Every structure is written in structure tokens, then in C-alpha cells.
PDB file of all heavy atoms in Angstrom:
ATOM      1  N   LEU A   1     -33.641  -5.681 -30.860  1.00  0.00           N
ATOM      2  CA  LEU A   1     -33.643  -6.204 -29.513  1.00  0.00           C
ATOM      3  C   LEU A   1     -32.689  -7.410 -29.214  1.00  0.00           C
ATOM      4  O   LEU A   1     -31.995  -7.489 -28.244  1.00  0.00           O
ATOM      5  CB  LEU A   1     -35.117  -6.663 -29.189  1.00  0.00           C
ATOM      6  CG  LEU A   1     -35.323  -6.954 -27.669  1.00  0.00           C
ATOM      7  CD1 LEU A   1     -35.110  -5.743 -26.786  1.00  0.00           C
ATOM      8  CD2 LEU A   1     -36.786  -7.527 -27.545  1.00  0.00           C
ATOM      9  N   SER A   2     -32.702  -8.317 -30.259  1.00  0.00           N
ATOM     10  CA  SER A   2     -32.106  -9.544 -30.009  1.00  0.00           C
ATOM     11  C   SER A   2     -31.491 -10.158 -31.458  1.00  0.00           C
ATOM     12  O   SER A   2     -32.394 -10.279 -32.309  1.00  0.00           O
ATOM     13  CB  SER A   2     -32.815 -10.673 -29.357  1.00  0.00           C
ATOM     14  OG  SER A   2     -32.141 -11.980 -29.440  1.00  0.00           O
ATOM     15  N   PRO A   3     -30.224 -10.424 -31.589  1.00  0.00           N
ATOM     16  CA  PRO A   3     -29.798 -11.127 -32.861  1.00  0.00           C
ATOM     17  C   PRO A   3     -30.440 -12.444 -33.120  1.00  0.00           C
ATOM     18  O   PRO A   3     -30.450 -12.833 -34.273  1.00  0.00           O
ATOM     19  CB  PRO A   3     -28.270 -11.178 -32.669  1.00  0.00           C
ATOM     20  CG  PRO A   3     -28.081 -11.249 -31.218  1.00  0.00           C
ATOM     21  CD  PRO A   3     -29.164 -10.361 -30.652  1.00  0.00           C
ATOM     22  N   TRP A   4     -30.860 -13.112 -32.075  1.00  0.00           N
ATOM     23  CA  TRP A   4     -31.502 -14.416 -32.237  1.00  0.00           C
ATOM     24  C   TRP A   4     -32.909 -14.442 -32.957  1.00  0.00           C
ATOM     25  O   TRP A   4     -33.343 -15.458 -33.395  1.00  0.00           O
ATOM     26  CB  TRP A   4     -31.549 -15.133 -30.891  1.00  0.00           C
ATOM     27  CG  TRP A   4     -30.156 -15.230 -30.334  1.00  0.00           C
ATOM     28  CD1 TRP A   4     -29.595 -14.438 -29.258  1.00  0.00           C
ATOM     29  CD2 TRP A   4     -29.105 -16.072 -30.729  1.00  0.00           C
ATOM     30  NE1 TRP A   4     -28.315 -14.791 -29.050  1.00  0.00           N
ATOM     31  CE2 TRP A   4     -27.939 -15.785 -29.955  1.00  0.00           C
ATOM     32  CE3 TRP A   4     -28.948 -16.958 -31.750  1.00  0.00           C
ATOM     33  CZ2 TRP A   4     -26.705 -16.427 -30.100  1.00  0.00           C
ATOM     34  CZ3 TRP A   4     -27.653 -17.587 -31.837  1.00  0.00           C
ATOM     35  CH2 TRP A   4     -26.647 -17.226 -31.038  1.00  0.00           C
ATOM     36  N   PHE A   5     -33.490 -13.225 -32.952  1.00  0.00           N
ATOM     37  CA  PHE A   5     -34.739 -13.084 -33.817  1.00  0.00           C
ATOM     38  C   PHE A   5     -34.437 -13.477 -35.269  1.00  0.00           C
ATOM     39  O   PHE A   5     -35.065 -14.268 -35.821  1.00  0.00           O
ATOM     40  CB  PHE A   5     -35.358 -11.766 -33.604  1.00  0.00           C
ATOM     41  CG  PHE A   5     -36.603 -11.430 -34.383  1.00  0.00           C
ATOM     42  CD1 PHE A   5     -37.787 -11.911 -34.065  1.00  0.00           C
ATOM     43  CD2 PHE A   5     -36.454 -10.810 -35.667  1.00  0.00           C
ATOM     44  CE1 PHE A   5     -38.929 -11.692 -34.847  1.00  0.00           C
ATOM     45  CE2 PHE A   5     -37.479 -10.567 -36.430  1.00  0.00           C
ATOM     46  CZ  PHE A   5     -38.766 -11.022 -36.062  1.00  0.00           C
ATOM     47  N   GLY A   6     -33.494 -12.671 -35.814  1.00  0.00           N
ATOM     48  CA  GLY A   6     -33.228 -12.934 -37.251  1.00  0.00           C
ATOM     49  C   GLY A   6     -32.532 -14.246 -37.457  1.00  0.00           C
ATOM     50  O   GLY A   6     -32.732 -14.831 -38.561  1.00  0.00           O
ATOM     51  N   ARG A   7     -31.691 -14.698 -36.496  1.00  0.00           N
ATOM     52  CA  ARG A   7     -31.139 -15.991 -36.671  1.00  0.00           C
ATOM     53  C   ARG A   7     -32.161 -17.097 -36.861  1.00  0.00           C
ATOM     54  O   ARG A   7     -32.021 -18.038 -37.548  1.00  0.00           O
ATOM     55  CB  ARG A   7     -30.001 -16.293 -35.578  1.00  0.00           C
ATOM     56  CG  ARG A   7     -28.890 -15.373 -35.584  1.00  0.00           C
ATOM     57  CD  ARG A   7     -27.964 -15.600 -36.842  1.00  0.00           C
ATOM     58  NE  ARG A   7     -27.389 -16.928 -36.700  1.00  0.00           N
ATOM     59  CZ  ARG A   7     -26.215 -17.339 -36.130  1.00  0.00           C
ATOM     60  NH1 ARG A   7     -25.629 -16.419 -35.355  1.00  0.00           N
ATOM     61  NH2 ARG A   7     -25.878 -18.556 -36.262  1.00  0.00           N
ATOM     62  N   THR A   8     -33.247 -16.999 -35.951  1.00  0.00           N
ATOM     63  CA  THR A   8     -34.285 -17.999 -36.006  1.00  0.00           C
ATOM     64  C   THR A   8     -35.080 -17.858 -37.163  1.00  0.00           C
ATOM     65  O   THR A   8     -35.395 -18.832 -37.831  1.00  0.00           O
ATOM     66  CB  THR A   8     -35.197 -17.860 -34.650  1.00  0.00           C
ATOM     67  OG1 THR A   8     -34.348 -17.833 -33.512  1.00  0.00           O
ATOM     68  CG2 THR A   8     -36.117 -18.857 -34.643  1.00  0.00           C
ATOM     69  N   LEU A   9     -35.448 -16.600 -37.593  1.00  0.00           N
ATOM     70  CA  LEU A   9     -36.055 -16.433 -38.853  1.00  0.00           C
ATOM     71  C   LEU A   9     -35.241 -17.003 -40.076  1.00  0.00           C
ATOM     72  O   LEU A   9     -35.751 -17.572 -40.992  1.00  0.00           O
ATOM     73  CB  LEU A   9     -36.371 -14.858 -39.023  1.00  0.00           C
ATOM     74  CG  LEU A   9     -37.154 -14.563 -40.346  1.00  0.00           C
ATOM     75  CD1 LEU A   9     -38.601 -15.346 -40.334  1.00  0.00           C
ATOM     76  CD2 LEU A   9     -37.383 -13.104 -40.458  1.00  0.00           C
ATOM     77  N   GLY A  10     -33.947 -16.765 -39.928  1.00  0.00           N
ATOM     78  CA  GLY A  10     -32.991 -17.383 -40.981  1.00  0.00           C
ATOM     79  C   GLY A  10     -33.147 -18.952 -41.113  1.00  0.00           C
ATOM     80  O   GLY A  10     -33.076 -19.462 -42.289  1.00  0.00           O
ATOM     81  N   ARG A  11     -33.455 -19.581 -39.991  1.00  0.00           N
ATOM     82  CA  ARG A  11     -33.627 -21.006 -40.102  1.00  0.00           C
ATOM     83  C   ARG A  11     -34.915 -21.412 -40.914  1.00  0.00           C
ATOM     84  O   ARG A  11     -34.952 -22.264 -41.763  1.00  0.00           O
ATOM     85  CB  ARG A  11     -33.956 -21.716 -38.734  1.00  0.00           C
ATOM     86  CG  ARG A  11     -32.602 -21.760 -37.914  1.00  0.00           C
ATOM     87  CD  ARG A  11     -32.864 -22.855 -36.725  1.00  0.00           C
ATOM     88  NE  ARG A  11     -32.949 -24.169 -37.192  1.00  0.00           N
ATOM     89  CZ  ARG A  11     -33.575 -25.140 -36.553  1.00  0.00           C
ATOM     90  NH1 ARG A  11     -34.190 -24.910 -35.515  1.00  0.00           N
ATOM     91  NH2 ARG A  11     -33.578 -26.292 -37.072  1.00  0.00           N
ATOM     92  N   GLN A  12     -36.010 -20.495 -40.712  1.00  0.00           N
ATOM     93  CA  GLN A  12     -37.276 -20.609 -41.487  1.00  0.00           C
ATOM     94  C   GLN A  12     -36.979 -20.353 -42.961  1.00  0.00           C
ATOM     95  O   GLN A  12     -37.515 -21.005 -43.884  1.00  0.00           O
ATOM     96  CB  GLN A  12     -38.250 -19.725 -40.974  1.00  0.00           C
ATOM     97  CG  GLN A  12     -39.594 -19.674 -41.657  1.00  0.00           C
ATOM     98  CD  GLN A  12     -40.291 -21.149 -41.825  1.00  0.00           C
ATOM     99  OE1 GLN A  12     -41.072 -21.426 -40.971  1.00  0.00           O
ATOM    100  NE2 GLN A  12     -39.943 -21.871 -42.892  1.00  0.00           N
ATOM    101  N   VAL A  13     -36.230 -19.245 -43.207  1.00  0.00           N
ATOM    102  CA  VAL A  13     -35.910 -18.933 -44.536  1.00  0.00           C
ATOM    103  C   VAL A  13     -35.036 -20.001 -45.294  1.00  0.00           C
ATOM    104  O   VAL A  13     -35.324 -20.365 -46.409  1.00  0.00           O
ATOM    105  CB  VAL A  13     -35.056 -17.537 -44.652  1.00  0.00           C
ATOM    106  CG1 VAL A  13     -34.517 -17.250 -46.044  1.00  0.00           C
ATOM    107  CG2 VAL A  13     -35.877 -16.407 -44.184  1.00  0.00           C
ATOM    108  N   ALA A  14     -34.183 -20.587 -44.550  1.00  0.00           N
ATOM    109  CA  ALA A  14     -33.355 -21.676 -45.146  1.00  0.00           C
ATOM    110  C   ALA A  14     -34.287 -22.868 -45.549  1.00  0.00           C
ATOM    111  O   ALA A  14     -34.129 -23.384 -46.729  1.00  0.00           O
ATOM    112  CB  ALA A  14     -32.337 -22.145 -44.085  1.00  0.00           C
ATOM    113  N   GLN A  15     -35.136 -23.188 -44.762  1.00  0.00           N
ATOM    114  CA  GLN A  15     -36.106 -24.261 -45.140  1.00  0.00           C
ATOM    115  C   GLN A  15     -36.884 -23.840 -46.413  1.00  0.00           C
ATOM    116  O   GLN A  15     -37.172 -24.655 -47.264  1.00  0.00           O
ATOM    117  CB  GLN A  15     -37.065 -24.650 -44.021  1.00  0.00           C
ATOM    118  CG  GLN A  15     -37.968 -25.832 -44.190  1.00  0.00           C
ATOM    119  CD  GLN A  15     -39.188 -25.732 -43.583  1.00  0.00           C
ATOM    120  OE1 GLN A  15     -39.752 -24.637 -43.091  1.00  0.00           O
ATOM    121  NE2 GLN A  15     -40.051 -26.820 -43.435  1.00  0.00           N
ATOM    122  N   ALA A  16     -37.430 -22.702 -46.363  1.00  0.00           N
ATOM    123  CA  ALA A  16     -38.331 -22.221 -47.441  1.00  0.00           C
ATOM    124  C   ALA A  16     -37.494 -22.121 -48.786  1.00  0.00           C
ATOM    125  O   ALA A  16     -38.139 -22.509 -49.736  1.00  0.00           O
ATOM    126  CB  ALA A  16     -38.864 -20.796 -47.082  1.00  0.00           C
ATOM    127  N   LEU A  17     -36.328 -21.625 -48.693  1.00  0.00           N
ATOM    128  CA  LEU A  17     -35.562 -21.652 -50.011  1.00  0.00           C
ATOM    129  C   LEU A  17     -35.393 -23.091 -50.526  1.00  0.00           C
ATOM    130  O   LEU A  17     -35.553 -23.289 -51.797  1.00  0.00           O
ATOM    131  CB  LEU A  17     -34.170 -21.030 -49.633  1.00  0.00           C
ATOM    132  CG  LEU A  17     -34.083 -19.506 -49.398  1.00  0.00           C
ATOM    133  CD1 LEU A  17     -32.674 -19.171 -48.901  1.00  0.00           C
ATOM    134  CD2 LEU A  17     -34.450 -18.761 -50.810  1.00  0.00           C
ATOM    135  N   ARG A  18     -35.020 -23.945 -49.558  1.00  0.00           N
ATOM    136  CA  ARG A  18     -34.839 -25.407 -50.087  1.00  0.00           C
ATOM    137  C   ARG A  18     -36.129 -26.022 -50.631  1.00  0.00           C
ATOM    138  O   ARG A  18     -36.215 -26.669 -51.702  1.00  0.00           O
ATOM    139  CB  ARG A  18     -34.328 -26.292 -49.044  1.00  0.00           C
ATOM    140  CG  ARG A  18     -33.013 -25.982 -48.443  1.00  0.00           C
ATOM    141  CD  ARG A  18     -32.472 -27.012 -47.375  1.00  0.00           C
ATOM    142  NE  ARG A  18     -31.334 -26.723 -46.767  1.00  0.00           N
ATOM    143  CZ  ARG A  18     -31.185 -26.319 -45.531  1.00  0.00           C
ATOM    144  NH1 ARG A  18     -32.162 -26.185 -44.831  1.00  0.00           N
ATOM    145  NH2 ARG A  18     -29.903 -26.063 -45.037  1.00  0.00           N
ATOM    146  N   ALA A  19     -37.288 -25.669 -49.910  1.00  0.00           N
ATOM    147  CA  ALA A  19     -38.640 -26.334 -50.281  1.00  0.00           C
ATOM    148  C   ALA A  19     -39.151 -25.720 -51.547  1.00  0.00           C
ATOM    149  O   ALA A  19     -39.840 -26.432 -52.258  1.00  0.00           O
ATOM    150  CB  ALA A  19     -39.573 -26.160 -49.192  1.00  0.00           C
ATOM    151  N   THR A  20     -38.843 -24.462 -51.799  1.00  0.00           N
ATOM    152  CA  THR A  20     -39.436 -23.886 -53.058  1.00  0.00           C
ATOM    153  C   THR A  20     -38.451 -23.764 -54.207  1.00  0.00           C
ATOM    154  O   THR A  20     -38.810 -23.280 -55.282  1.00  0.00           O
ATOM    155  CB  THR A  20     -39.881 -22.487 -52.707  1.00  0.00           C
ATOM    156  OG1 THR A  20     -38.794 -21.588 -52.296  1.00  0.00           O
ATOM    157  CG2 THR A  20     -40.845 -22.504 -51.612  1.00  0.00           C
ATOM    158  N   GLY A  21     -37.165 -24.211 -53.889  1.00  0.00           N
ATOM    159  CA  GLY A  21     -36.205 -24.203 -55.197  1.00  0.00           C
ATOM    160  C   GLY A  21     -35.770 -22.904 -55.566  1.00  0.00           C
ATOM    161  O   GLY A  21     -35.512 -22.738 -56.749  1.00  0.00           O
ATOM    162  N   THR A  22     -35.786 -21.838 -54.621  1.00  0.00           N
ATOM    163  CA  THR A  22     -35.429 -20.562 -54.936  1.00  0.00           C
ATOM    164  C   THR A  22     -34.102 -20.208 -54.391  1.00  0.00           C
ATOM    165  O   THR A  22     -33.613 -20.815 -53.336  1.00  0.00           O
ATOM    166  CB  THR A  22     -36.586 -19.594 -54.587  1.00  0.00           C
ATOM    167  OG1 THR A  22     -36.862 -19.747 -53.208  1.00  0.00           O
ATOM    168  CG2 THR A  22     -37.815 -19.840 -55.449  1.00  0.00           C
ATOM    169  N   ASP A  23     -33.452 -19.092 -54.811  1.00  0.00           N
ATOM    170  CA  ASP A  23     -32.199 -18.705 -54.346  1.00  0.00           C
ATOM    171  C   ASP A  23     -32.094 -17.226 -54.018  1.00  0.00           C
ATOM    172  O   ASP A  23     -31.001 -16.558 -53.941  1.00  0.00           O
ATOM    173  CB  ASP A  23     -31.050 -19.182 -55.261  1.00  0.00           C
ATOM    174  CG  ASP A  23     -31.069 -18.595 -56.680  1.00  0.00           C
ATOM    175  OD1 ASP A  23     -32.108 -17.770 -56.940  1.00  0.00           O
ATOM    176  OD2 ASP A  23     -30.275 -18.827 -57.422  1.00  0.00           O
ATOM    177  N   GLU A  24     -33.192 -16.525 -53.869  1.00  0.00           N
ATOM    178  CA  GLU A  24     -33.207 -15.073 -53.578  1.00  0.00           C
ATOM    179  C   GLU A  24     -34.078 -14.821 -52.319  1.00  0.00           C
ATOM    180  O   GLU A  24     -35.096 -15.503 -52.203  1.00  0.00           O
ATOM    181  CB  GLU A  24     -33.680 -14.261 -54.759  1.00  0.00           C
ATOM    182  CG  GLU A  24     -32.877 -14.119 -55.903  1.00  0.00           C
ATOM    183  CD  GLU A  24     -33.240 -13.190 -57.014  1.00  0.00           C
ATOM    184  OE1 GLU A  24     -34.329 -12.501 -56.842  1.00  0.00           O
ATOM    185  OE2 GLU A  24     -32.476 -12.940 -57.936  1.00  0.00           O
ATOM    186  N   VAL A  25     -33.684 -13.792 -51.614  1.00  0.00           N
ATOM    187  CA  VAL A  25     -34.547 -13.277 -50.441  1.00  0.00           C
ATOM    188  C   VAL A  25     -34.802 -11.821 -50.809  1.00  0.00           C
ATOM    189  O   VAL A  25     -33.912 -11.093 -51.228  1.00  0.00           O
ATOM    190  CB  VAL A  25     -33.792 -13.486 -49.140  1.00  0.00           C
ATOM    191  CG1 VAL A  25     -34.622 -12.890 -47.970  1.00  0.00           C
ATOM    192  CG2 VAL A  25     -33.323 -14.932 -48.894  1.00  0.00           C
ATOM    193  N   TRP A  26     -36.005 -11.412 -50.552  1.00  0.00           N
ATOM    194  CA  TRP A  26     -36.510 -10.048 -50.701  1.00  0.00           C
ATOM    195  C   TRP A  26     -37.062  -9.642 -49.384  1.00  0.00           C
ATOM    196  O   TRP A  26     -37.841 -10.214 -48.799  1.00  0.00           O
ATOM    197  CB  TRP A  26     -37.598 -10.041 -51.833  1.00  0.00           C
ATOM    198  CG  TRP A  26     -37.180 -10.164 -53.168  1.00  0.00           C
ATOM    199  CD1 TRP A  26     -36.836 -11.460 -53.767  1.00  0.00           C
ATOM    200  CD2 TRP A  26     -37.106  -9.296 -54.320  1.00  0.00           C
ATOM    201  NE1 TRP A  26     -36.427 -11.300 -55.097  1.00  0.00           N
ATOM    202  CE2 TRP A  26     -36.672  -9.951 -55.357  1.00  0.00           C
ATOM    203  CE3 TRP A  26     -37.349  -7.909 -54.307  1.00  0.00           C
ATOM    204  CZ2 TRP A  26     -36.513  -9.207 -56.580  1.00  0.00           C
ATOM    205  CZ3 TRP A  26     -37.173  -7.308 -55.443  1.00  0.00           C
ATOM    206  CH2 TRP A  26     -36.803  -7.882 -56.655  1.00  0.00           C
ATOM    207  N   GLU A  27     -36.438  -8.496 -48.938  1.00  0.00           N
ATOM    208  CA  GLU A  27     -36.894  -7.932 -47.683  1.00  0.00           C
ATOM    209  C   GLU A  27     -37.478  -6.596 -47.956  1.00  0.00           C
ATOM    210  O   GLU A  27     -36.871  -5.723 -48.575  1.00  0.00           O
ATOM    211  CB  GLU A  27     -35.803  -7.812 -46.628  1.00  0.00           C
ATOM    212  CG  GLU A  27     -36.253  -7.315 -45.318  1.00  0.00           C
ATOM    213  CD  GLU A  27     -35.273  -7.132 -44.212  1.00  0.00           C
ATOM    214  OE1 GLU A  27     -34.039  -7.568 -44.426  1.00  0.00           O
ATOM    215  OE2 GLU A  27     -35.548  -6.580 -43.064  1.00  0.00           O
ATOM    216  N   PHE A  28     -38.675  -6.324 -47.426  1.00  0.00           N
ATOM    217  CA  PHE A  28     -39.413  -5.006 -47.602  1.00  0.00           C
ATOM    218  C   PHE A  28     -39.237  -4.228 -46.267  1.00  0.00           C
ATOM    219  O   PHE A  28     -39.556  -4.662 -45.321  1.00  0.00           O
ATOM    220  CB  PHE A  28     -40.894  -5.274 -47.890  1.00  0.00           C
ATOM    221  CG  PHE A  28     -41.036  -6.081 -49.177  1.00  0.00           C
ATOM    222  CD1 PHE A  28     -41.093  -7.350 -49.246  1.00  0.00           C
ATOM    223  CD2 PHE A  28     -41.153  -5.303 -50.428  1.00  0.00           C
ATOM    224  CE1 PHE A  28     -41.264  -8.063 -50.438  1.00  0.00           C
ATOM    225  CE2 PHE A  28     -41.392  -5.961 -51.546  1.00  0.00           C
ATOM    226  CZ  PHE A  28     -41.520  -7.310 -51.570  1.00  0.00           C
TER     227      PHE A  28
END
């Protein structure tokens, strides 16, 4: 529906990667 959905989720993913010291994303 909108590319901004994933872009916004990407902001959350970026924060989570930094906070947890990880460098992989897994999508189911």
C-alpha cells in the first residue's frame, strides 16, 4: 500500500540493531 510503511519500520529496525549489538535481520 505504501513504501513509507517499511521505511518507518526500518527506523525501528535501525534502532534495534544498534541497541542489541546485532547485524542481521530475519524476515518471516
